[in-house]
Amino acid sequence: MTRSPAQKSACKDLKRNGQSPAITLKATYTPTSNRAGSRSLYERGLFS
């Protein structure tokens, strides 16, 4: 997978706000809420 500049900047913003980069992945791959996003990501095996 390739990372776009937008994703990198989003990661920096989240780190500034004291949140983990994992939230960036959830927001990037799922347009839903963080809770639903984390569930679908685990189901897809991206975090296995």
Protein backbone atom coordinates (compact mmCIF):
# COMPACT_ATOMS: atom_id res chain seq x y z
CA MET A 1 0.00 0.00 0.00
CA THR A 2 1.23 3.48 -0.80
CA ARG A 3 0.77 6.49 1.44
CA SER A 4 -0.45 9.78 0.07
CA PRO A 5 0.83 13.12 1.42
CA ALA A 6 -2.65 13.71 2.80
CA GLN A 7 -2.40 10.60 4.96
CA LYS A 8 1.02 11.64 6.27
CA SER A 9 -0.20 15.10 7.21
CA ALA A 10 -3.26 13.59 8.87
CA CYS A 11 -0.98 11.37 10.91
CA LYS A 12 1.01 14.40 12.05
CA ASP A 13 -2.19 16.21 13.02
CA LEU A 14 -3.36 13.24 15.09
CA LYS A 15 0.02 12.96 16.83
CA ARG A 16 -0.17 16.66 17.69
CA ASN A 17 -3.58 16.01 19.21
CA GLY A 18 -2.16 13.15 21.27
CA GLN A 19 -3.88 10.34 19.37
CA SER A 20 -2.31 7.17 18.01
CA PRO A 21 -1.54 6.70 14.28
CA ALA A 22 -3.94 3.74 14.34
CA ILE A 23 -6.81 6.23 14.35
CA THR A 24 -5.44 7.61 11.08
CA LEU A 25 -5.69 4.18 9.50
CA LYS A 26 -9.25 3.73 10.73
CA ALA A 27 -10.27 7.11 9.37
CA THR A 28 -8.50 6.46 6.07
CA TYR A 29 -9.94 3.03 5.33
CA THR A 30 -13.39 3.47 6.84
CA PRO A 31 -15.61 6.55 6.50
CA THR A 32 -17.58 5.39 9.54
CA SER A 33 -17.01 6.13 13.21
CA ASN A 34 -13.80 5.03 14.93
CA ARG A 35 -15.57 2.23 16.77
CA ALA A 36 -17.11 0.74 13.63
CA GLY A 37 -13.87 1.42 11.75
CA SER A 38 -11.71 -0.52 14.18
CA ARG A 39 -14.13 -3.45 14.05
CA SER A 40 -14.07 -3.67 10.24
CA LEU A 41 -10.28 -3.29 10.17
CA TYR A 42 -9.84 -6.19 12.57
CA GLU A 43 -12.24 -8.26 10.46
CA ARG A 44 -10.17 -7.46 7.36
CA GLY A 45 -7.04 -8.64 9.16
CA LEU A 46 -5.04 -5.44 8.68
CA PHE A 47 -4.06 -5.56 12.35
CA SER A 48 -3.40 -9.30 12.61
